[in-house]
Amino acid sequence: MQDTPGRFWPVTVFDAIPLRTPVREIYRRLGWRSGRTELPDERRREVDRQIREAESLIRLRGSARRIPIRGRESGRIVLSGGETLESAKLSRFLEGCPEILLMAATAGGDIVAAASRDTAAGSATRGVVLDAAASEITDAALDWIAAWFNGTLLREGRRLLKRRYSPGYGDLALESQRILFGLLELDRIGVSLTDHSLLVPEKSVIALTGILPGTEPDHDR
């Protein structure tokens, strides 16, 4: 983990994110439900092996930053540096929050390339497992980052909302990733942005959540 100076709070870069692989969630993404879906032992062993292969191809990295909210209007949030996020739903989501926590995580490019190669070579089944594993592991990395910050915030009498919000969800346009990309300095963890505001590598995600004072009710239940 490295910190760099910046406006208000610095960007925190996580060069490695140690977490337990969310195997149950990967199976759920693949469409299998415990007690409801029959899965032959041989196929289960194959999927488990492919999940382990996915683990070997993933290099989890992350970035996060606390940013004060300077102002809010109906339909927009203005951050401390003057950056504006246009979203009425996000504004309601962050009601009562004086700050936000920006987060991003990436699984790296190797897992994406391997899944693409498998699909192109006709090994679609393995490619699907690799893709599902990368998605769920990247999502779990955001949970890990949020938990890491919650430990610090609790000592300040603050806490995070239980849910998070991502560009492209609700009325928060995908193009807002351009603002968040710069604030999180995502080039430092090997992530770039296309002309269409898509993150590269594909298994990369940006999210944000609110920071509440501990004395405030959690409206996000």
C-alpha atoms as a PDB file:
ATOM      1  CA  MET A   1       0.000   0.000   0.000  1.00  0.00           C
ATOM      2  CA  GLN A   2       1.283   3.462  -0.892  1.00  0.00           C
ATOM      3  CA  ASP A   3      -0.007   6.947  -0.102  1.00  0.00           C
ATOM      4  CA  THR A   4       0.586  10.022  -2.236  1.00  0.00           C
ATOM      5  CA  PRO A   5      -0.068  13.636  -1.327  1.00  0.00           C
ATOM      6  CA  GLY A   6      -3.187  15.204  -2.766  1.00  0.00           C
ATOM      7  CA  ARG A   7      -6.022  17.600  -2.153  1.00  0.00           C
ATOM      8  CA  PHE A   8      -7.586  16.934   1.267  1.00  0.00           C
ATOM      9  CA  TRP A   9      -7.062  13.164   1.628  1.00  0.00           C
ATOM     10  CA  PRO A  10      -4.446  11.387  -0.473  1.00  0.00           C
ATOM     11  CA  VAL A  11      -5.090   8.568  -2.863  1.00  0.00           C
ATOM     12  CA  THR A  12      -4.421   5.219  -1.217  1.00  0.00           C
ATOM     13  CA  VAL A  13      -3.082   2.608  -3.623  1.00  0.00           C
ATOM     14  CA  PHE A  14      -3.294  -1.078  -2.760  1.00  0.00           C
ATOM     15  CA  ASP A  15      -0.679  -2.974  -4.739  1.00  0.00           C
ATOM     16  CA  ALA A  16      -1.986  -6.268  -3.402  1.00  0.00           C
ATOM     17  CA  ILE A  17      -5.386  -7.175  -1.969  1.00  0.00           C
ATOM     18  CA  PRO A  18      -5.415 -10.403   0.031  1.00  0.00           C
ATOM     19  CA  LEU A  19      -8.843 -11.967   0.196  1.00  0.00           C
ATOM     20  CA  ARG A  20     -10.531 -15.332   0.221  1.00  0.00           C
ATOM     21  CA  THR A  21     -11.898 -16.338  -3.170  1.00  0.00           C
ATOM     22  CA  PRO A  22     -15.711 -16.009  -3.136  1.00  0.00           C
ATOM     23  CA  VAL A  23     -16.348 -19.502  -4.513  1.00  0.00           C
ATOM     24  CA  ARG A  24     -20.055 -19.566  -3.627  1.00  0.00           C
ATOM     25  CA  GLU A  25     -20.630 -16.258  -5.409  1.00  0.00           C
ATOM     26  CA  ILE A  26     -18.747 -17.498  -8.486  1.00  0.00           C
ATOM     27  CA  TYR A  27     -20.974 -20.577  -8.671  1.00  0.00           C
ATOM     28  CA  ARG A  28     -24.037 -18.368  -8.244  1.00  0.00           C
ATOM     29  CA  ARG A  29     -22.903 -16.144 -11.129  1.00  0.00           C
ATOM     30  CA  LEU A  30     -22.515 -19.287 -13.217  1.00  0.00           C
ATOM     31  CA  GLY A  31     -26.174 -20.088 -12.513  1.00  0.00           C
ATOM     32  CA  TRP A  32     -25.790 -22.842  -9.937  1.00  0.00           C
ATOM     33  CA  ARG A  33     -27.678 -22.689  -6.637  1.00  0.00           C
ATOM     34  CA  SER A  34     -26.902 -24.891  -3.652  1.00  0.00           C
ATOM     35  CA  GLY A  35     -29.711 -27.380  -3.079  1.00  0.00           C
ATOM     36  CA  ARG A  36     -31.475 -26.356  -6.285  1.00  0.00           C
ATOM     37  CA  THR A  37     -29.052 -27.158  -9.105  1.00  0.00           C
ATOM     38  CA  GLU A  38     -27.676 -30.617  -9.848  1.00  0.00           C
ATOM     39  CA  LEU A  39     -23.948 -30.549 -10.621  1.00  0.00           C
ATOM     40  CA  PRO A  40     -22.101 -33.814 -11.311  1.00  0.00           C
ATOM     41  CA  ASP A  41     -18.993 -34.368  -9.190  1.00  0.00           C
ATOM     42  CA  GLU A  42     -16.757 -34.481 -12.253  1.00  0.00           C
ATOM     43  CA  ARG A  43     -18.056 -31.125 -13.483  1.00  0.00           C
ATOM     44  CA  ARG A  44     -17.684 -29.595 -10.010  1.00  0.00           C
ATOM     45  CA  ARG A  45     -14.065 -30.721  -9.838  1.00  0.00           C
ATOM     46  CA  GLU A  46     -13.460 -29.212 -13.271  1.00  0.00           C
ATOM     47  CA  VAL A  47     -14.997 -25.884 -12.261  1.00  0.00           C
ATOM     48  CA  ASP A  48     -13.026 -25.832  -9.010  1.00  0.00           C
ATOM     49  CA  ARG A  49      -9.842 -26.404 -10.992  1.00  0.00           C
ATOM     50  CA  GLN A  50     -10.726 -23.591 -13.387  1.00  0.00           C
ATOM     51  CA  ILE A  51     -11.396 -21.251 -10.451  1.00  0.00           C
ATOM     52  CA  ARG A  52      -7.912 -22.050  -9.121  1.00  0.00           C
ATOM     53  CA  GLU A  53      -6.520 -21.266 -12.574  1.00  0.00           C
ATOM     54  CA  ALA A  54      -8.357 -17.947 -12.460  1.00  0.00           C
ATOM     55  CA  GLU A  55      -6.775 -17.187  -9.074  1.00  0.00           C
ATOM     56  CA  SER A  56      -3.330 -17.710 -10.587  1.00  0.00           C
ATOM     57  CA  LEU A  57      -4.086 -15.259 -13.414  1.00  0.00           C
ATOM     58  CA  ILE A  58      -5.533 -12.461 -11.287  1.00  0.00           C
ATOM     59  CA  ARG A  59      -3.454  -9.681  -9.795  1.00  0.00           C
ATOM     60  CA  LEU A  60      -5.765  -7.632  -7.640  1.00  0.00           C
ATOM     61  CA  ARG A  61      -4.902  -3.979  -7.196  1.00  0.00           C
ATOM     62  CA  GLY A  62      -6.971  -1.109  -5.913  1.00  0.00           C
ATOM     63  CA  SER A  63      -7.210   2.610  -5.331  1.00  0.00           C
ATOM     64  CA  ALA A  64      -9.356   4.663  -2.957  1.00  0.00           C
ATOM     65  CA  ARG A  65      -9.818   8.228  -1.789  1.00  0.00           C
ATOM     66  CA  ARG A  66     -11.922  10.132   0.719  1.00  0.00           C
ATOM     67  CA  ILE A  67     -13.367  13.324  -0.747  1.00  0.00           C
ATOM     68  CA  PRO A  68     -15.538  15.928   1.011  1.00  0.00           C
ATOM     69  CA  ILE A  69     -18.820  16.990  -0.537  1.00  0.00           C
ATOM     70  CA  ARG A  70     -18.740  20.748  -1.066  1.00  0.00           C
ATOM     71  CA  GLY A  71     -22.378  21.160  -1.964  1.00  0.00           C
ATOM     72  CA  ARG A  72     -25.460  19.494  -3.321  1.00  0.00           C
ATOM     73  CA  GLU A  73     -28.410  20.538  -5.387  1.00  0.00           C
ATOM     74  CA  SER A  74     -31.379  18.658  -6.706  1.00  0.00           C
ATOM     75  CA  GLY A  75     -29.859  16.266  -9.180  1.00  0.00           C
ATOM     76  CA  ARG A  76     -26.161  16.862  -8.558  1.00  0.00           C
ATOM     77  CA  ILE A  77     -23.301  16.451  -6.094  1.00  0.00           C
ATOM     78  CA  VAL A  78     -20.414  18.931  -6.061  1.00  0.00           C
ATOM     79  CA  LEU A  79     -17.139  17.549  -4.709  1.00  0.00           C
ATOM     80  CA  SER A  80     -14.476  19.499  -2.866  1.00  0.00           C
ATOM     81  CA  GLY A  81     -12.459  20.298  -5.993  1.00  0.00           C
ATOM     82  CA  GLY A  82     -15.503  21.516  -7.901  1.00  0.00           C
ATOM     83  CA  GLU A  83     -16.092  18.243  -9.756  1.00  0.00           C
ATOM     84  CA  THR A  84     -19.790  17.651 -10.376  1.00  0.00           C
ATOM     85  CA  LEU A  85     -21.625  14.332 -10.490  1.00  0.00           C
ATOM     86  CA  GLU A  86     -24.995  14.678 -12.175  1.00  0.00           C
ATOM     87  CA  SER A  87     -27.437  12.218 -10.591  1.00  0.00           C
ATOM     88  CA  ALA A  88     -30.615  12.782  -8.611  1.00  0.00           C
ATOM     89  CA  LYS A  89     -30.545   9.204  -7.310  1.00  0.00           C
ATOM     90  CA  LEU A  90     -26.945   9.555  -6.169  1.00  0.00           C
ATOM     91  CA  SER A  91     -27.808  12.797  -4.412  1.00  0.00           C
ATOM     92  CA  ARG A  92     -30.558  11.012  -2.474  1.00  0.00           C
ATOM     93  CA  PHE A  93     -28.268   8.053  -1.816  1.00  0.00           C
ATOM     94  CA  LEU A  94     -25.664  10.355  -0.231  1.00  0.00           C
ATOM     95  CA  GLU A  95     -28.147  12.301   1.890  1.00  0.00           C
ATOM     96  CA  GLY A  96     -26.568  13.142   5.260  1.00  0.00           C
ATOM     97  CA  CYS A  97     -23.042  12.286   4.092  1.00  0.00           C
ATOM     98  CA  PRO A  98     -20.408  15.036   4.379  1.00  0.00           C
ATOM     99  CA  GLU A  99     -17.863  12.905   2.482  1.00  0.00           C
ATOM    100  CA  ILE A 100     -17.668  10.105  -0.029  1.00  0.00           C
ATOM    101  CA  LEU A 101     -15.262   7.233  -0.428  1.00  0.00           C
ATOM    102  CA  LEU A 102     -14.205   6.576  -4.014  1.00  0.00           C
ATOM    103  CA  MET A 103     -12.948   3.064  -4.714  1.00  0.00           C
ATOM    104  CA  ALA A 104     -11.673   1.086  -7.656  1.00  0.00           C
ATOM    105  CA  ALA A 105     -10.319  -2.408  -8.139  1.00  0.00           C
ATOM    106  CA  THR A 106      -8.897  -4.326 -11.069  1.00  0.00           C
ATOM    107  CA  ALA A 107      -8.163  -7.989 -11.690  1.00  0.00           C
ATOM    108  CA  GLY A 108      -5.461  -7.106 -14.226  1.00  0.00           C
ATOM    109  CA  GLY A 109      -5.179  -7.939 -17.886  1.00  0.00           C
ATOM    110  CA  ASP A 110      -3.982 -11.557 -17.781  1.00  0.00           C
ATOM    111  CA  ILE A 111      -7.332 -13.026 -16.733  1.00  0.00           C
ATOM    112  CA  VAL A 112      -9.180 -11.052 -19.425  1.00  0.00           C
ATOM    113  CA  ALA A 113      -6.735 -12.183 -22.112  1.00  0.00           C
ATOM    114  CA  ALA A 114      -6.994 -15.829 -21.016  1.00  0.00           C
ATOM    115  CA  ALA A 115     -10.801 -15.785 -21.060  1.00  0.00           C
ATOM    116  CA  SER A 116     -10.778 -14.202 -24.522  1.00  0.00           C
ATOM    117  CA  ARG A 117      -8.300 -16.763 -25.848  1.00  0.00           C
ATOM    118  CA  ASP A 118     -10.416 -19.629 -24.533  1.00  0.00           C
ATOM    119  CA  THR A 119     -13.561 -18.277 -26.147  1.00  0.00           C
ATOM    120  CA  ALA A 120     -11.783 -17.683 -29.470  1.00  0.00           C
ATOM    121  CA  ALA A 121     -10.321 -21.221 -29.374  1.00  0.00           C
ATOM    122  CA  GLY A 122     -13.706 -22.792 -28.714  1.00  0.00           C
ATOM    123  CA  SER A 123     -13.137 -23.454 -25.002  1.00  0.00           C
ATOM    124  CA  ALA A 124     -16.102 -21.309 -24.070  1.00  0.00           C
ATOM    125  CA  THR A 125     -16.883 -23.235 -20.875  1.00  0.00           C
ATOM    126  CA  ARG A 126     -13.511 -22.488 -19.277  1.00  0.00           C
ATOM    127  CA  GLY A 127     -13.699 -18.924 -20.549  1.00  0.00           C
ATOM    128  CA  VAL A 128     -17.057 -18.448 -18.843  1.00  0.00           C
ATOM    129  CA  VAL A 129     -15.663 -19.699 -15.524  1.00  0.00           C
ATOM    130  CA  LEU A 130     -12.626 -17.418 -15.782  1.00  0.00           C
ATOM    131  CA  ASP A 131     -14.877 -14.469 -16.585  1.00  0.00           C
ATOM    132  CA  ALA A 132     -17.218 -15.191 -13.658  1.00  0.00           C
ATOM    133  CA  ALA A 133     -14.319 -15.642 -11.256  1.00  0.00           C
ATOM    134  CA  ALA A 134     -12.718 -12.365 -12.335  1.00  0.00           C
ATOM    135  CA  SER A 135     -15.994 -10.467 -11.893  1.00  0.00           C
ATOM    136  CA  GLU A 136     -16.730 -11.823  -8.432  1.00  0.00           C
ATOM    137  CA  ILE A 137     -13.162 -11.514  -7.173  1.00  0.00           C
ATOM    138  CA  THR A 138     -12.965  -7.899  -8.353  1.00  0.00           C
ATOM    139  CA  ASP A 139     -16.264  -7.151  -6.621  1.00  0.00           C
ATOM    140  CA  ALA A 140     -14.957  -8.796  -3.436  1.00  0.00           C
ATOM    141  CA  ALA A 141     -11.905  -6.536  -3.644  1.00  0.00           C
ATOM    142  CA  LEU A 142     -14.203  -3.511  -3.319  1.00  0.00           C
ATOM    143  CA  ASP A 143     -15.689  -5.104  -0.182  1.00  0.00           C
ATOM    144  CA  TRP A 144     -12.155  -5.545   1.161  1.00  0.00           C
ATOM    145  CA  ILE A 145     -11.253  -1.895   0.480  1.00  0.00           C
ATOM    146  CA  ALA A 146     -14.467  -0.700   2.132  1.00  0.00           C
ATOM    147  CA  ALA A 147     -13.758  -2.838   5.209  1.00  0.00           C
ATOM    148  CA  TRP A 148     -10.205  -1.477   5.383  1.00  0.00           C
ATOM    149  CA  PHE A 149     -11.469   2.096   5.416  1.00  0.00           C
ATOM    150  CA  ASN A 150     -14.260   1.294   7.842  1.00  0.00           C
ATOM    151  CA  GLY A 151     -11.629   0.312  10.388  1.00  0.00           C
ATOM    152  CA  THR A 152     -10.140   3.806  10.212  1.00  0.00           C
ATOM    153  CA  LEU A 153     -13.477   5.587  10.059  1.00  0.00           C
ATOM    154  CA  LEU A 154     -14.857   3.855  13.134  1.00  0.00           C
ATOM    155  CA  ARG A 155     -11.979   5.270  15.162  1.00  0.00           C
ATOM    156  CA  GLU A 156     -13.129   8.723  13.989  1.00  0.00           C
ATOM    157  CA  GLY A 157     -16.742   8.053  14.898  1.00  0.00           C
ATOM    158  CA  ARG A 158     -17.679   7.742  11.231  1.00  0.00           C
ATOM    159  CA  ARG A 159     -18.799   4.859   9.067  1.00  0.00           C
ATOM    160  CA  LEU A 160     -19.584   3.916   5.494  1.00  0.00           C
ATOM    161  CA  LEU A 161     -23.006   3.333   4.056  1.00  0.00           C
ATOM    162  CA  LYS A 162     -23.697  -0.350   3.547  1.00  0.00           C
ATOM    163  CA  ARG A 163     -24.199  -0.116  -0.206  1.00  0.00           C
ATOM    164  CA  ARG A 164     -22.205   1.456  -3.010  1.00  0.00           C
ATOM    165  CA  TYR A 165     -22.976   3.154  -6.299  1.00  0.00           C
ATOM    166  CA  SER A 166     -21.209   2.852  -9.641  1.00  0.00           C
ATOM    167  CA  PRO A 167     -21.183   4.926 -12.851  1.00  0.00           C
ATOM    168  CA  GLY A 168     -23.631   3.519 -15.363  1.00  0.00           C
ATOM    169  CA  TYR A 169     -26.068   2.596 -12.585  1.00  0.00           C
ATOM    170  CA  GLY A 170     -29.356   4.471 -12.253  1.00  0.00           C
ATOM    171  CA  ASP A 171     -28.995   7.995 -13.600  1.00  0.00           C
ATOM    172  CA  LEU A 172     -25.252   8.339 -12.944  1.00  0.00           C
ATOM    173  CA  ALA A 173     -23.866   8.395 -16.487  1.00  0.00           C
ATOM    174  CA  LEU A 174     -21.000   6.133 -17.451  1.00  0.00           C
ATOM    175  CA  GLU A 175     -19.155   9.259 -18.619  1.00  0.00           C
ATOM    176  CA  SER A 176     -18.740  10.254 -14.968  1.00  0.00           C
ATOM    177  CA  GLN A 177     -16.001   7.636 -14.846  1.00  0.00           C
ATOM    178  CA  ARG A 178     -13.756  10.259 -16.463  1.00  0.00           C
ATOM    179  CA  ILE A 179     -13.990  12.430 -13.346  1.00  0.00           C
ATOM    180  CA  LEU A 180     -13.572   9.523 -10.928  1.00  0.00           C
ATOM    181  CA  PHE A 181     -10.726   8.006 -12.957  1.00  0.00           C
ATOM    182  CA  GLY A 182      -8.644  11.149 -12.472  1.00  0.00           C
ATOM    183  CA  LEU A 183      -9.486  11.521  -8.791  1.00  0.00           C
ATOM    184  CA  LEU A 184      -8.441   7.925  -8.143  1.00  0.00           C
ATOM    185  CA  GLU A 185      -5.282   8.141 -10.293  1.00  0.00           C
ATOM    186  CA  LEU A 186      -6.127   4.771 -11.797  1.00  0.00           C
ATOM    187  CA  ASP A 187      -3.192   4.828 -14.193  1.00  0.00           C
ATOM    188  CA  ARG A 188      -1.108   3.975 -11.109  1.00  0.00           C
ATOM    189  CA  ILE A 189      -2.748   0.552 -10.880  1.00  0.00           C
ATOM    190  CA  GLY A 190      -2.536  -0.197 -14.587  1.00  0.00           C
ATOM    191  CA  VAL A 191      -6.049   0.907 -15.561  1.00  0.00           C
ATOM    192  CA  SER A 192      -6.796   3.138 -18.536  1.00  0.00           C
ATOM    193  CA  LEU A 193      -9.930   4.719 -19.982  1.00  0.00           C
ATOM    194  CA  THR A 194     -11.252   4.454 -23.523  1.00  0.00           C
ATOM    195  CA  ASP A 195     -12.799   7.267 -25.554  1.00  0.00           C
ATOM    196  CA  HIS A 196     -16.171   5.798 -24.577  1.00  0.00           C
ATOM    197  CA  SER A 197     -15.386   5.995 -20.837  1.00  0.00           C
ATOM    198  CA  LEU A 198     -14.868   2.246 -20.450  1.00  0.00           C
ATOM    199  CA  LEU A 199     -12.208   0.920 -18.095  1.00  0.00           C
ATOM    200  CA  VAL A 200      -9.369  -1.238 -19.404  1.00  0.00           C
ATOM    201  CA  PRO A 201      -8.661  -4.018 -18.397  1.00  0.00           C
ATOM    202  CA  GLU A 202     -12.295  -5.037 -18.648  1.00  0.00           C
ATOM    203  CA  LYS A 203     -12.406  -6.559 -15.156  1.00  0.00           C
ATOM    204  CA  SER A 204     -11.966  -3.188 -13.460  1.00  0.00           C
ATOM    205  CA  VAL A 205     -14.647  -1.317 -11.578  1.00  0.00           C
ATOM    206  CA  ILE A 206     -15.203   2.066  -9.932  1.00  0.00           C
ATOM    207  CA  ALA A 207     -17.647   2.556  -7.078  1.00  0.00           C
ATOM    208  CA  LEU A 208     -18.424   5.123  -4.435  1.00  0.00           C
ATOM    209  CA  THR A 209     -20.231   5.182  -1.142  1.00  0.00           C
ATOM    210  CA  GLY A 210     -21.076   7.741   1.513  1.00  0.00           C
ATOM    211  CA  ILE A 211     -19.296   8.415   4.779  1.00  0.00           C
ATOM    212  CA  LEU A 212     -21.676   9.109   7.660  1.00  0.00           C
ATOM    213  CA  PRO A 213     -20.916  10.565  11.079  1.00  0.00           C
ATOM    214  CA  GLY A 214     -21.462   7.823  13.649  1.00  0.00           C
ATOM    215  CA  THR A 215     -24.225   9.791  15.344  1.00  0.00           C
ATOM    216  CA  GLU A 216     -26.318   9.938  12.187  1.00  0.00           C
ATOM    217  CA  PRO A 217     -28.918   7.271  11.405  1.00  0.00           C
ATOM    218  CA  ASP A 218     -28.010   4.913   8.567  1.00  0.00           C
ATOM    219  CA  HIS A 219     -30.690   5.771   6.015  1.00  0.00           C
ATOM    220  CA  ASP A 220     -29.361   3.059   3.694  1.00  0.00           C
ATOM    221  CA  ARG A 221     -30.815   0.093   5.525  1.00  0.00           C
END
